[in-house]
Amino acid sequence: MWNFLKRYAFNWVMLSDRALNVAFGGSSDETMSSRAGKGLKEGKRWCCVLCRFLDLFQKDHCLKSINPDDGTNAAIPD
């Protein structure tokens, strides 16, 4: 039962993360963390701020989250 609840919660977090990315013009196949990690490498200010906040929970979270294959369908390309 515990594994089910963990997986269920994780799926909701991922859905929320992707929905937030879409709300800000990103692609539905990419998480906000992956998008921010890519922007961090380019020195984008909003990415630096978000990634610094996420580092409180996991060191280098945004950089670890980068998936280079995601994000091609963004409404607002970075």
C-alpha atoms as a PDB file:
ATOM      1  CA  MET A   1       0.000   0.000   0.000  1.00  0.00           C
ATOM      2  CA  TRP A   2       2.845   2.408   0.853  1.00  0.00           C
ATOM      3  CA  ASN A   3       4.439   2.001  -2.599  1.00  0.00           C
ATOM      4  CA  PHE A   4       1.102   2.772  -4.227  1.00  0.00           C
ATOM      5  CA  LEU A   5       0.742   5.994  -2.225  1.00  0.00           C
ATOM      6  CA  LYS A   6       4.288   7.102  -2.989  1.00  0.00           C
ATOM      7  CA  ARG A   7       3.838   6.473  -6.725  1.00  0.00           C
ATOM      8  CA  TYR A   8       0.433   8.174  -6.694  1.00  0.00           C
ATOM      9  CA  ALA A   9       1.838  11.272  -4.965  1.00  0.00           C
ATOM     10  CA  PHE A  10       4.859  11.337  -7.281  1.00  0.00           C
ATOM     11  CA  ASN A  11       2.602  11.234 -10.353  1.00  0.00           C
ATOM     12  CA  TRP A  12       0.599  14.209  -9.045  1.00  0.00           C
ATOM     13  CA  VAL A  13       3.783  16.183  -8.400  1.00  0.00           C
ATOM     14  CA  MET A  14       5.031  15.481 -11.927  1.00  0.00           C
ATOM     15  CA  LEU A  15       1.665  16.444 -13.419  1.00  0.00           C
ATOM     16  CA  SER A  16       1.699  19.714 -11.468  1.00  0.00           C
ATOM     17  CA  ASP A  17       5.289  20.406 -12.511  1.00  0.00           C
ATOM     18  CA  ARG A  18       4.510  19.918 -16.207  1.00  0.00           C
ATOM     19  CA  ALA A  19       1.263  21.915 -15.918  1.00  0.00           C
ATOM     20  CA  LEU A  20       3.195  24.814 -14.375  1.00  0.00           C
ATOM     21  CA  ASN A  21       5.639  24.686 -17.271  1.00  0.00           C
ATOM     22  CA  VAL A  22       2.758  24.810 -19.785  1.00  0.00           C
ATOM     23  CA  ALA A  23       1.169  27.716 -17.896  1.00  0.00           C
ATOM     24  CA  PHE A  24       4.377  29.690 -18.459  1.00  0.00           C
ATOM     25  CA  GLY A  25       4.554  28.857 -22.169  1.00  0.00           C
ATOM     26  CA  GLY A  26       6.657  25.715 -22.014  1.00  0.00           C
ATOM     27  CA  SER A  27       6.148  22.307 -23.555  1.00  0.00           C
ATOM     28  CA  SER A  28       3.889  19.724 -21.923  1.00  0.00           C
ATOM     29  CA  ASP A  29       6.593  17.063 -22.214  1.00  0.00           C
ATOM     30  CA  GLU A  30       9.093  18.976 -20.065  1.00  0.00           C
ATOM     31  CA  THR A  31       9.220  19.728 -16.369  1.00  0.00           C
ATOM     32  CA  MET A  32       9.762  23.233 -15.086  1.00  0.00           C
ATOM     33  CA  SER A  33      12.999  22.024 -13.487  1.00  0.00           C
ATOM     34  CA  SER A  34      14.395  20.790 -16.798  1.00  0.00           C
ATOM     35  CA  ARG A  35      13.479  24.051 -18.505  1.00  0.00           C
ATOM     36  CA  ALA A  36      15.007  26.061 -15.672  1.00  0.00           C
ATOM     37  CA  GLY A  37      18.172  23.953 -15.778  1.00  0.00           C
ATOM     38  CA  LYS A  38      18.624  24.729 -19.461  1.00  0.00           C
ATOM     39  CA  GLY A  39      18.037  28.416 -18.783  1.00  0.00           C
ATOM     40  CA  LEU A  40      20.458  28.335 -15.851  1.00  0.00           C
ATOM     41  CA  LYS A  41      23.230  27.248 -18.222  1.00  0.00           C
ATOM     42  CA  GLU A  42      22.375  30.276 -20.381  1.00  0.00           C
ATOM     43  CA  GLY A  43      22.397  32.608 -17.361  1.00  0.00           C
ATOM     44  CA  LYS A  44      18.699  33.539 -17.465  1.00  0.00           C
ATOM     45  CA  ARG A  45      17.800  35.397 -14.303  1.00  0.00           C
ATOM     46  CA  TRP A  46      14.458  33.706 -13.556  1.00  0.00           C
ATOM     47  CA  CYS A  47      16.122  30.323 -13.932  1.00  0.00           C
ATOM     48  CA  CYS A  48      18.907  31.238 -11.552  1.00  0.00           C
ATOM     49  CA  VAL A  49      16.385  32.347  -8.923  1.00  0.00           C
ATOM     50  CA  LEU A  50      14.193  29.240  -9.286  1.00  0.00           C
ATOM     51  CA  CYS A  51      17.148  26.863  -9.286  1.00  0.00           C
ATOM     52  CA  ARG A  52      18.656  28.509  -6.217  1.00  0.00           C
ATOM     53  CA  PHE A  53      15.334  27.950  -4.422  1.00  0.00           C
ATOM     54  CA  LEU A  54      15.123  24.312  -5.552  1.00  0.00           C
ATOM     55  CA  ASP A  55      18.711  23.760  -4.387  1.00  0.00           C
ATOM     56  CA  LEU A  56      17.343  24.080  -0.839  1.00  0.00           C
ATOM     57  CA  PHE A  57      15.613  20.725  -1.377  1.00  0.00           C
ATOM     58  CA  GLN A  58      18.147  18.958  -3.615  1.00  0.00           C
ATOM     59  CA  LYS A  59      21.608  20.192  -4.546  1.00  0.00           C
ATOM     60  CA  ASP A  60      21.851  20.948  -8.286  1.00  0.00           C
ATOM     61  CA  HIS A  61      18.233  19.864  -8.795  1.00  0.00           C
ATOM     62  CA  CYS A  62      17.737  21.799 -12.035  1.00  0.00           C
ATOM     63  CA  LEU A  63      20.972  20.599 -13.595  1.00  0.00           C
ATOM     64  CA  LYS A  64      20.150  17.004 -12.653  1.00  0.00           C
ATOM     65  CA  SER A  65      16.655  17.414 -14.146  1.00  0.00           C
ATOM     66  CA  ILE A  66      17.729  18.511 -17.621  1.00  0.00           C
ATOM     67  CA  ASN A  67      16.381  16.305 -20.385  1.00  0.00           C
ATOM     68  CA  PRO A  68      17.775  17.610 -23.685  1.00  0.00           C
ATOM     69  CA  ASP A  69      15.125  15.815 -25.725  1.00  0.00           C
ATOM     70  CA  ASP A  70      12.203  17.622 -24.053  1.00  0.00           C
ATOM     71  CA  GLY A  71      10.883  21.095 -24.662  1.00  0.00           C
ATOM     72  CA  THR A  72      10.683  21.266 -28.459  1.00  0.00           C
ATOM     73  CA  ASN A  73       6.926  22.002 -28.444  1.00  0.00           C
ATOM     74  CA  ALA A  74       7.110  25.117 -26.269  1.00  0.00           C
ATOM     75  CA  ALA A  75       4.653  27.877 -27.126  1.00  0.00           C
ATOM     76  CA  ILE A  76       7.216  30.431 -25.970  1.00  0.00           C
ATOM     77  CA  PRO A  77      10.673  29.093 -26.886  1.00  0.00           C
ATOM     78  CA  ASP A  78      13.463  30.033 -24.510  1.00  0.00           C
END
